Amino acid sequence: MSKDDAIEVEGTVTKALSNAKFSVEIDTTGHTVTAYPAGKLRKFFIKILPGDKVTVALSPYDLGKGRITFRHKN
């Protein structure tokens, strides 16, 4: 699977979990997924807090996990 095969959805961070993981609620469906920040977000120390709007890339094989690829400005 390549990065191009990922499903892009928008959601809201509900909880900060341990080991730089976050619980994100998807806006369209209401499902909750576990997501971690993608490489550039970690590299440039982009802070993600509960309540932030984010874009999550989900794998088509496991829709319960994903990568946070973008944090939207309020």
Protein backbone atom coordinates (compact mmCIF):
# COMPACT_ATOMS: atom_id res chain seq x y z
CA MET A 1 0.00 0.00 0.00
CA SER A 2 1.30 3.45 -0.85
CA LYS A 3 0.40 6.80 0.66
CA ASP A 4 -1.79 7.50 -2.38
CA ASP A 5 -4.18 4.68 -1.38
CA ALA A 6 -5.07 6.32 1.95
CA ILE A 7 -8.57 7.63 2.68
CA GLU A 8 -8.51 11.32 3.71
CA VAL A 9 -11.13 12.39 6.28
CA GLU A 10 -11.52 15.33 8.65
CA GLY A 11 -12.10 15.02 12.35
CA THR A 12 -11.72 16.55 15.80
CA VAL A 13 -9.16 15.47 18.37
CA THR A 14 -11.02 14.29 21.47
CA LYS A 15 -8.22 12.90 23.66
CA ALA A 16 -4.43 12.88 23.84
CA LEU A 17 -3.20 9.35 24.52
CA SER A 18 0.25 8.13 25.51
CA ASN A 19 3.17 7.78 23.07
CA ALA A 20 2.09 10.71 20.85
CA LYS A 21 -1.20 9.09 19.85
CA PHE A 22 -4.57 10.79 19.72
CA SER A 23 -8.20 9.78 19.74
CA VAL A 24 -9.93 11.48 16.78
CA GLU A 25 -13.67 11.62 16.13
CA ILE A 26 -14.51 11.62 12.41
CA ASP A 27 -16.89 14.47 11.51
CA THR A 28 -18.98 12.71 8.87
CA THR A 29 -19.58 9.35 10.57
CA GLY A 30 -18.95 9.97 14.26
CA HIS A 31 -16.57 7.01 14.56
CA THR A 32 -13.49 7.29 16.76
CA VAL A 33 -10.06 6.29 15.45
CA THR A 34 -6.58 6.20 16.98
CA ALA A 35 -4.15 8.41 15.08
CA TYR A 36 -0.53 9.47 15.32
CA PRO A 37 1.16 12.56 13.82
CA ALA A 38 2.80 12.11 10.42
CA GLY A 39 6.53 12.73 9.95
CA LYS A 40 6.48 16.46 9.17
CA LEU A 41 4.22 17.22 12.15
CA ARG A 42 6.71 15.50 14.45
CA LYS A 43 9.75 16.98 12.71
CA PHE A 44 8.61 20.60 13.10
CA PHE A 45 7.02 20.09 16.57
CA ILE A 46 3.48 21.01 15.49
CA LYS A 47 1.41 20.87 18.69
CA ILE A 48 -1.90 19.01 18.58
CA LEU A 49 -4.36 19.58 21.41
CA PRO A 50 -7.84 18.19 22.16
CA GLY A 51 -10.42 20.21 20.25
CA ASP A 52 -8.21 20.79 17.17
CA LYS A 53 -9.59 20.08 13.69
CA VAL A 54 -7.29 17.69 11.81
CA THR A 55 -7.09 15.76 8.56
CA VAL A 56 -6.53 12.03 9.05
CA ALA A 57 -5.28 9.55 6.44
CA LEU A 58 -6.86 6.14 7.07
CA SER A 59 -5.57 2.86 5.69
CA PRO A 60 -8.13 0.95 3.63
CA TYR A 61 -7.08 -2.23 5.47
CA ASP A 62 -7.64 -0.97 9.04
CA LEU A 63 -10.13 1.87 9.43
CA GLY A 64 -9.51 2.11 13.19
CA LYS A 65 -6.02 3.58 12.87
CA GLY A 66 -4.64 6.53 10.94
CA ARG A 67 -2.05 9.29 10.55
CA ILE A 68 -2.71 12.95 11.29
CA THR A 69 -1.44 14.74 8.18
CA PHE A 70 -2.67 18.31 8.75
CA ARG A 71 -3.85 20.50 11.66
CA HIS A 72 -6.36 23.14 10.55
CA LYS A 73 -6.17 26.70 11.83
CA ASN A 74 -9.18 27.88 13.82
